[in-house]
PDB file of N, CA and C in Angstrom:
ATOM      1  N   ALA A   1     -25.447   6.808 -27.954  1.00  0.00           N
ATOM      2  CA  ALA A   1     -26.067   8.083 -27.889  1.00  0.00           C
ATOM      3  C   ALA A   1     -25.546   8.726 -29.210  1.00  0.00           C
ATOM      4  N   SER A   2     -25.645   9.809 -29.963  1.00  0.00           N
ATOM      5  CA  SER A   2     -25.367  10.647 -30.700  1.00  0.00           C
ATOM      6  C   SER A   2     -24.769  11.839 -30.037  1.00  0.00           C
ATOM      7  N   LYS A   3     -24.510  12.866 -31.241  1.00  0.00           N
ATOM      8  CA  LYS A   3     -23.691  13.856 -30.835  1.00  0.00           C
ATOM      9  C   LYS A   3     -25.347  15.078 -29.861  1.00  0.00           C
ATOM     10  N   GLY A   4     -25.010  15.332 -29.047  1.00  0.00           N
ATOM     11  CA  GLY A   4     -25.848  16.512 -28.926  1.00  0.00           C
ATOM     12  C   GLY A   4     -27.041  15.762 -27.831  1.00  0.00           C
ATOM     13  N   ASP A   5     -27.101  14.308 -27.642  1.00  0.00           N
ATOM     14  CA  ASP A   5     -27.796  13.887 -26.630  1.00  0.00           C
ATOM     15  C   ASP A   5     -27.432  13.915 -24.792  1.00  0.00           C
ATOM     16  N   GLU A   6     -28.395  14.244 -24.436  1.00  0.00           N
ATOM     17  CA  GLU A   6     -28.404  13.677 -22.926  1.00  0.00           C
ATOM     18  C   GLU A   6     -28.458  12.548 -22.731  1.00  0.00           C
ATOM     19  N   ILE A   7     -27.507  12.079 -21.472  1.00  0.00           N
ATOM     20  CA  ILE A   7     -27.281  10.550 -20.970  1.00  0.00           C
ATOM     21  C   ILE A   7     -27.638  10.925 -19.624  1.00  0.00           C
ATOM     22  N   GLU A   8     -28.495   9.853 -18.992  1.00  0.00           N
ATOM     23  CA  GLU A   8     -28.279  10.140 -17.145  1.00  0.00           C
ATOM     24  C   GLU A   8     -27.994   8.965 -16.975  1.00  0.00           C
ATOM     25  N   PHE A   9     -26.657   8.846 -15.699  1.00  0.00           N
ATOM     26  CA  PHE A   9     -26.187   7.284 -15.282  1.00  0.00           C
ATOM     27  C   PHE A   9     -26.437   7.414 -14.514  1.00  0.00           C
ATOM     28  N   ASP A  10     -27.256   6.234 -14.042  1.00  0.00           N
ATOM     29  CA  ASP A  10     -27.642   5.581 -12.998  1.00  0.00           C
ATOM     30  C   ASP A  10     -27.249   4.967 -11.352  1.00  0.00           C
ATOM     31  N   LYS A  11     -26.254   4.673 -12.059  1.00  0.00           N
ATOM     32  CA  LYS A  11     -25.111   3.282 -11.535  1.00  0.00           C
ATOM     33  C   LYS A  11     -23.802   4.747 -11.081  1.00  0.00           C
ATOM     34  N   VAL A  12     -24.095   5.395 -10.000  1.00  0.00           N
ATOM     35  CA  VAL A  12     -23.279   5.879  -9.122  1.00  0.00           C
ATOM     36  C   VAL A  12     -21.935   4.913  -8.235  1.00  0.00           C
ATOM     37  N   LEU A  13     -21.154   4.750  -7.702  1.00  0.00           N
ATOM     38  CA  LEU A  13     -20.087   4.538  -7.838  1.00  0.00           C
ATOM     39  C   LEU A  13     -19.853   5.352  -6.132  1.00  0.00           C
ATOM     40  N   MET A  14     -19.370   6.780  -5.873  1.00  0.00           N
ATOM     41  CA  MET A  14     -19.646   7.532  -5.376  1.00  0.00           C
ATOM     42  C   MET A  14     -19.730   9.176  -5.714  1.00  0.00           C
ATOM     43  N   VAL A  15     -20.404   9.317  -4.154  1.00  0.00           N
ATOM     44  CA  VAL A  15     -21.021  11.018  -4.552  1.00  0.00           C
ATOM     45  C   VAL A  15     -20.352  11.546  -3.249  1.00  0.00           C
ATOM     46  N   ASP A  16     -19.706  12.524  -3.257  1.00  0.00           N
ATOM     47  CA  ASP A  16     -19.619  13.142  -1.740  1.00  0.00           C
ATOM     48  C   ASP A  16     -18.588  12.536  -0.803  1.00  0.00           C
ATOM     49  N   GLY A  17     -17.472  11.585  -1.086  1.00  0.00           N
ATOM     50  CA  GLY A  17     -17.107  10.998  -0.179  1.00  0.00           C
ATOM     51  C   GLY A  17     -18.260   9.386   0.460  1.00  0.00           C
ATOM     52  N   LYS A  18     -19.129   9.510  -0.249  1.00  0.00           N
ATOM     53  CA  LYS A  18     -19.857   8.371   0.208  1.00  0.00           C
ATOM     54  C   LYS A  18     -19.793   7.573  -0.954  1.00  0.00           C
ATOM     55  N   VAL A  19     -19.374   6.215  -0.733  1.00  0.00           N
ATOM     56  CA  VAL A  19     -19.109   4.418  -1.394  1.00  0.00           C
ATOM     57  C   VAL A  19     -20.336   4.459  -0.910  1.00  0.00           C
ATOM     58  N   GLY A  20     -21.062   3.714  -2.749  1.00  0.00           N
ATOM     59  CA  GLY A  20     -22.210   2.874  -2.452  1.00  0.00           C
ATOM     60  C   GLY A  20     -21.671   1.506  -2.175  1.00  0.00           C
ATOM     61  N   ASN A  21     -22.595   0.415  -2.216  1.00  0.00           N
ATOM     62  CA  ASN A  21     -22.269  -0.537  -1.784  1.00  0.00           C
ATOM     63  C   ASN A  21     -23.475  -1.297  -2.655  1.00  0.00           C
ATOM     64  N   PRO A  22     -23.030  -1.938  -3.925  1.00  0.00           N
ATOM     65  CA  PRO A  22     -22.365  -1.400  -5.012  1.00  0.00           C
ATOM     66  C   PRO A  22     -21.866  -0.078  -5.832  1.00  0.00           C
ATOM     67  N   TYR A  23     -23.924   0.412  -5.225  1.00  0.00           N
ATOM     68  CA  TYR A  23     -23.615   1.784  -5.963  1.00  0.00           C
ATOM     69  C   TYR A  23     -24.290   2.160  -4.739  1.00  0.00           C
ATOM     70  N   VAL A  24     -24.628   3.642  -4.971  1.00  0.00           N
ATOM     71  CA  VAL A  24     -25.240   5.139  -4.341  1.00  0.00           C
ATOM     72  C   VAL A  24     -26.385   5.162  -4.564  1.00  0.00           C
ATOM     73  N   GLU A  25     -27.271   5.116  -3.139  1.00  0.00           N
ATOM     74  CA  GLU A  25     -28.646   4.822  -3.683  1.00  0.00           C
ATOM     75  C   GLU A  25     -29.239   6.181  -4.259  1.00  0.00           C
ATOM     76  N   ASN A  26     -30.218   6.472  -5.033  1.00  0.00           N
ATOM     77  CA  ASN A  26     -30.870   7.751  -5.245  1.00  0.00           C
ATOM     78  C   ASN A  26     -29.666   8.617  -5.971  1.00  0.00           C
ATOM     79  N   ALA A  27     -28.801   8.257  -6.162  1.00  0.00           N
ATOM     80  CA  ALA A  27     -27.646   9.196  -6.924  1.00  0.00           C
ATOM     81  C   ALA A  27     -27.455   8.972  -8.884  1.00  0.00           C
ATOM     82  N   LYS A  28     -27.484  10.197  -8.943  1.00  0.00           N
ATOM     83  CA  LYS A  28     -27.777  10.078 -11.240  1.00  0.00           C
ATOM     84  C   LYS A  28     -26.696  11.308 -11.190  1.00  0.00           C
ATOM     85  N   VAL A  29     -26.142  11.041 -12.029  1.00  0.00           N
ATOM     86  CA  VAL A  29     -25.322  11.668 -12.974  1.00  0.00           C
ATOM     87  C   VAL A  29     -25.838  12.069 -14.432  1.00  0.00           C
ATOM     88  N   LYS A  30     -25.904  13.243 -15.043  1.00  0.00           N
ATOM     89  CA  LYS A  30     -26.503  14.248 -15.686  1.00  0.00           C
ATOM     90  C   LYS A  30     -25.338  14.593 -16.811  1.00  0.00           C
ATOM     91  N   ALA A  31     -25.104  13.794 -18.538  1.00  0.00           N
ATOM     92  CA  ALA A  31     -24.184  14.366 -19.480  1.00  0.00           C
ATOM     93  C   ALA A  31     -24.369  14.852 -20.537  1.00  0.00           C
ATOM     94  N   THR A  32     -23.622  15.260 -21.498  1.00  0.00           N
ATOM     95  CA  THR A  32     -24.293  15.446 -23.052  1.00  0.00           C
ATOM     96  C   THR A  32     -22.930  14.576 -23.770  1.00  0.00           C
ATOM     97  N   VAL A  33     -23.564  13.948 -24.590  1.00  0.00           N
ATOM     98  CA  VAL A  33     -21.885  13.878 -25.540  1.00  0.00           C
ATOM     99  C   VAL A  33     -22.009  14.571 -26.784  1.00  0.00           C
ATOM    100  N   ILE A  34     -20.238  14.783 -26.071  1.00  0.00           N
ATOM    101  CA  ILE A  34     -19.833  15.660 -27.239  1.00  0.00           C
ATOM    102  C   ILE A  34     -19.315  15.110 -28.376  1.00  0.00           C
ATOM    103  N   THR A  35     -18.716  14.545 -28.457  1.00  0.00           N
ATOM    104  CA  THR A  35     -17.852  13.338 -29.720  1.00  0.00           C
ATOM    105  C   THR A  35     -18.332  11.910 -29.632  1.00  0.00           C
ATOM    106  N   GLN A  36     -17.933  11.580 -30.718  1.00  0.00           N
ATOM    107  CA  GLN A  36     -17.882   9.743 -30.571  1.00  0.00           C
ATOM    108  C   GLN A  36     -16.647   9.213 -31.774  1.00  0.00           C
ATOM    109  N   GLY A  37     -15.837   8.692 -31.882  1.00  0.00           N
ATOM    110  CA  GLY A  37     -14.704   8.631 -32.697  1.00  0.00           C
ATOM    111  C   GLY A  37     -14.124   7.249 -32.542  1.00  0.00           C
ATOM    112  N   LYS A  38     -12.770   7.158 -33.087  1.00  0.00           N
ATOM    113  CA  LYS A  38     -12.224   5.877 -32.564  1.00  0.00           C
ATOM    114  C   LYS A  38     -10.782   6.771 -32.199  1.00  0.00           C
ATOM    115  N   ALA A  39      -9.802   6.376 -30.840  1.00  0.00           N
ATOM    116  CA  ALA A  39      -8.847   6.678 -30.378  1.00  0.00           C
ATOM    117  C   ALA A  39      -7.681   6.124 -31.360  1.00  0.00           C
ATOM    118  N   LYS A  40      -6.165   6.662 -31.363  1.00  0.00           N
ATOM    119  CA  LYS A  40      -5.600   6.097 -32.284  1.00  0.00           C
ATOM    120  C   LYS A  40      -5.031   4.872 -31.831  1.00  0.00           C
ATOM    121  N   LYS A  41      -4.389   4.467 -33.191  1.00  0.00           N
ATOM    122  CA  LYS A  41      -3.900   3.050 -33.371  1.00  0.00           C
ATOM    123  C   LYS A  41      -3.133   2.713 -32.700  1.00  0.00           C
ATOM    124  N   ILE A  42      -3.555   1.171 -31.785  1.00  0.00           N
ATOM    125  CA  ILE A  42      -1.792   0.786 -30.904  1.00  0.00           C
ATOM    126  C   ILE A  42      -2.150  -0.109 -31.572  1.00  0.00           C
ATOM    127  N   ILE A  43      -0.160  -0.339 -31.504  1.00  0.00           N
ATOM    128  CA  ILE A  43      -0.016  -1.785 -32.473  1.00  0.00           C
ATOM    129  C   ILE A  43       0.155  -2.808 -31.797  1.00  0.00           C
ATOM    130  N   VAL A  44       0.360  -4.074 -32.318  1.00  0.00           N
ATOM    131  CA  VAL A  44      -0.041  -5.131 -31.093  1.00  0.00           C
ATOM    132  C   VAL A  44       1.213  -5.798 -31.765  1.00  0.00           C
ATOM    133  N   PHE A  45       2.401  -6.378 -31.445  1.00  0.00           N
ATOM    134  CA  PHE A  45       3.110  -6.632 -32.369  1.00  0.00           C
ATOM    135  C   PHE A  45       3.708  -8.435 -31.559  1.00  0.00           C
ATOM    136  N   LYS A  46       3.660  -9.332 -31.999  1.00  0.00           N
ATOM    137  CA  LYS A  46       4.156 -10.273 -31.432  1.00  0.00           C
ATOM    138  C   LYS A  46       5.218 -11.081 -31.724  1.00  0.00           C
ATOM    139  N   PHE A  47       6.224 -11.866 -31.009  1.00  0.00           N
ATOM    140  CA  PHE A  47       7.543 -12.344 -31.624  1.00  0.00           C
ATOM    141  C   PHE A  47       7.810 -13.554 -30.798  1.00  0.00           C
ATOM    142  N   LYS A  48       8.529 -14.423 -31.574  1.00  0.00           N
ATOM    143  CA  LYS A  48       9.287 -15.636 -30.422  1.00  0.00           C
ATOM    144  C   LYS A  48      10.582 -15.544 -30.856  1.00  0.00           C
ATOM    145  N   ARG A  49      11.175 -15.399 -30.408  1.00  0.00           N
ATOM    146  CA  ARG A  49      12.899 -15.307 -31.408  1.00  0.00           C
ATOM    147  C   ARG A  49      13.634 -17.013 -31.644  1.00  0.00           C
ATOM    148  N   ARG A  50      14.393 -16.954 -32.559  1.00  0.00           N
ATOM    149  CA  ARG A  50      14.765 -18.247 -33.086  1.00  0.00           C
ATOM    150  C   ARG A  50      13.924 -18.990 -34.175  1.00  0.00           C
ATOM    151  N   LYS A  51      12.517 -18.530 -33.784  1.00  0.00           N
ATOM    152  CA  LYS A  51      11.656 -19.747 -34.483  1.00  0.00           C
ATOM    153  C   LYS A  51      10.844 -18.997 -36.128  1.00  0.00           C
ATOM    154  N   GLY A  52      11.495 -17.699 -36.142  1.00  0.00           N
ATOM    155  CA  GLY A  52      10.664 -17.213 -37.184  1.00  0.00           C
ATOM    156  C   GLY A  52       9.268 -16.373 -37.365  1.00  0.00           C
ATOM    157  N   PHE A  53       8.794 -16.198 -36.039  1.00  0.00           N
ATOM    158  CA  PHE A  53       6.962 -16.140 -35.827  1.00  0.00           C
ATOM    159  C   PHE A  53       7.134 -14.736 -35.460  1.00  0.00           C
ATOM    160  N   LYS A  54       6.705 -13.670 -36.741  1.00  0.00           N
ATOM    161  CA  LYS A  54       6.576 -11.951 -36.233  1.00  0.00           C
ATOM    162  C   LYS A  54       4.995 -11.909 -36.663  1.00  0.00           C
ATOM    163  N   LYS A  55       4.482 -11.448 -35.974  1.00  0.00           N
ATOM    164  CA  LYS A  55       2.918 -11.020 -36.125  1.00  0.00           C
ATOM    165  C   LYS A  55       2.239  -9.557 -35.208  1.00  0.00           C
ATOM    166  N   LYS A  56       2.029  -8.987 -37.083  1.00  0.00           N
ATOM    167  CA  LYS A  56       1.956  -7.269 -35.965  1.00  0.00           C
ATOM    168  C   LYS A  56       0.220  -7.166 -36.726  1.00  0.00           C
ATOM    169  N   ILE A  57      -0.459  -6.501 -35.609  1.00  0.00           N
ATOM    170  CA  ILE A  57      -1.750  -6.433 -35.142  1.00  0.00           C
ATOM    171  C   ILE A  57      -2.066  -4.639 -34.847  1.00  0.00           C
ATOM    172  N   GLY A  58      -2.818  -4.586 -35.390  1.00  0.00           N
ATOM    173  CA  GLY A  58      -3.351  -2.841 -35.637  1.00  0.00           C
ATOM    174  C   GLY A  58      -4.895  -2.664 -34.870  1.00  0.00           C
ATOM    175  N   HIS A  59      -4.953  -1.849 -33.383  1.00  0.00           N
ATOM    176  CA  HIS A  59      -6.076  -1.974 -33.472  1.00  0.00           C
ATOM    177  C   HIS A  59      -6.398  -0.678 -32.822  1.00  0.00           C
ATOM    178  N   ARG A  60      -7.615   0.337 -33.465  1.00  0.00           N
ATOM    179  CA  ARG A  60      -8.295   1.057 -32.763  1.00  0.00           C
ATOM    180  C   ARG A  60      -9.805   1.295 -32.114  1.00  0.00           C
ATOM    181  N   GLN A  61      -9.688   1.737 -30.694  1.00  0.00           N
ATOM    182  CA  GLN A  61     -10.916   1.571 -29.521  1.00  0.00           C
ATOM    183  C   GLN A  61     -11.510   2.322 -29.789  1.00  0.00           C
ATOM    184  N   HIS A  62     -13.107   1.997 -30.210  1.00  0.00           N
ATOM    185  CA  HIS A  62     -14.089   3.212 -30.154  1.00  0.00           C
ATOM    186  C   HIS A  62     -14.336   3.314 -28.367  1.00  0.00           C
ATOM    187  N   PHE A  63     -14.394   5.434 -28.600  1.00  0.00           N
ATOM    188  CA  PHE A  63     -14.981   6.402 -27.545  1.00  0.00           C
ATOM    189  C   PHE A  63     -15.930   6.860 -28.044  1.00  0.00           C
ATOM    190  N   THR A  64     -16.658   7.340 -26.813  1.00  0.00           N
ATOM    191  CA  THR A  64     -17.772   8.505 -26.684  1.00  0.00           C
ATOM    192  C   THR A  64     -17.377   9.287 -25.768  1.00  0.00           C
ATOM    193  N   GLN A  65     -17.153  10.976 -25.993  1.00  0.00           N
ATOM    194  CA  GLN A  65     -16.725  11.965 -24.791  1.00  0.00           C
ATOM    195  C   GLN A  65     -18.160  12.405 -24.218  1.00  0.00           C
ATOM    196  N   VAL A  66     -18.230  12.290 -23.299  1.00  0.00           N
ATOM    197  CA  VAL A  66     -18.615  13.260 -22.738  1.00  0.00           C
ATOM    198  C   VAL A  66     -18.639  14.142 -21.576  1.00  0.00           C
ATOM    199  N   LYS A  67     -19.749  15.299 -21.364  1.00  0.00           N
ATOM    200  CA  LYS A  67     -19.025  16.325 -19.801  1.00  0.00           C
ATOM    201  C   LYS A  67     -20.648  16.319 -19.188  1.00  0.00           C
ATOM    202  N   ILE A  68     -20.107  16.022 -18.065  1.00  0.00           N
ATOM    203  CA  ILE A  68     -21.034  15.676 -16.983  1.00  0.00           C
ATOM    204  C   ILE A  68     -21.728  17.479 -17.078  1.00  0.00           C
ATOM    205  N   THR A  69     -23.102  17.776 -16.627  1.00  0.00           N
ATOM    206  CA  THR A  69     -23.480  18.601 -16.629  1.00  0.00           C
ATOM    207  C   THR A  69     -24.087  18.604 -15.394  1.00  0.00           C
ATOM    208  N   GLN A  70     -24.493  17.860 -15.034  1.00  0.00           N
ATOM    209  CA  GLN A  70     -25.474  17.914 -13.291  1.00  0.00           C
ATOM    210  C   GLN A  70     -24.931  16.616 -12.505  1.00  0.00           C
ATOM    211  N   ILE A  71     -24.393  16.670 -11.480  1.00  0.00           N
ATOM    212  CA  ILE A  71     -24.331  15.552 -10.154  1.00  0.00           C
ATOM    213  C   ILE A  71     -25.171  15.278  -9.119  1.00  0.00           C
ATOM    214  N   LEU A  72     -26.570  15.022  -8.985  1.00  0.00           N
ATOM    215  CA  LEU A  72     -27.842  14.442  -8.677  1.00  0.00           C
ATOM    216  C   LEU A  72     -27.658  13.950  -7.228  1.00  0.00           C
ATOM    217  N   ALA A  73     -27.245  13.936  -6.192  1.00  0.00           N
ATOM    218  CA  ALA A  73     -27.239  13.097  -4.714  1.00  0.00           C
ATOM    219  C   ALA A  73     -28.269  12.558  -4.277  1.00  0.00           C
TER     220      ALA A  73
END
């Protein structure tokens, strides 16, 4: 989804203290997409002592930020 789109989640795990098995029936959550982007860089460093092995890898996770507008139970 792009910025400003309305999204509807139909697989809801819990509403008003009701826990689904696995999901709550007839429950929906409506949300609006605020932004999409990449998170801060995470550095993964692997090292084996006395072997001369060093490996440095960077990774940035994609994310979508949403604002919940309505919860329908």
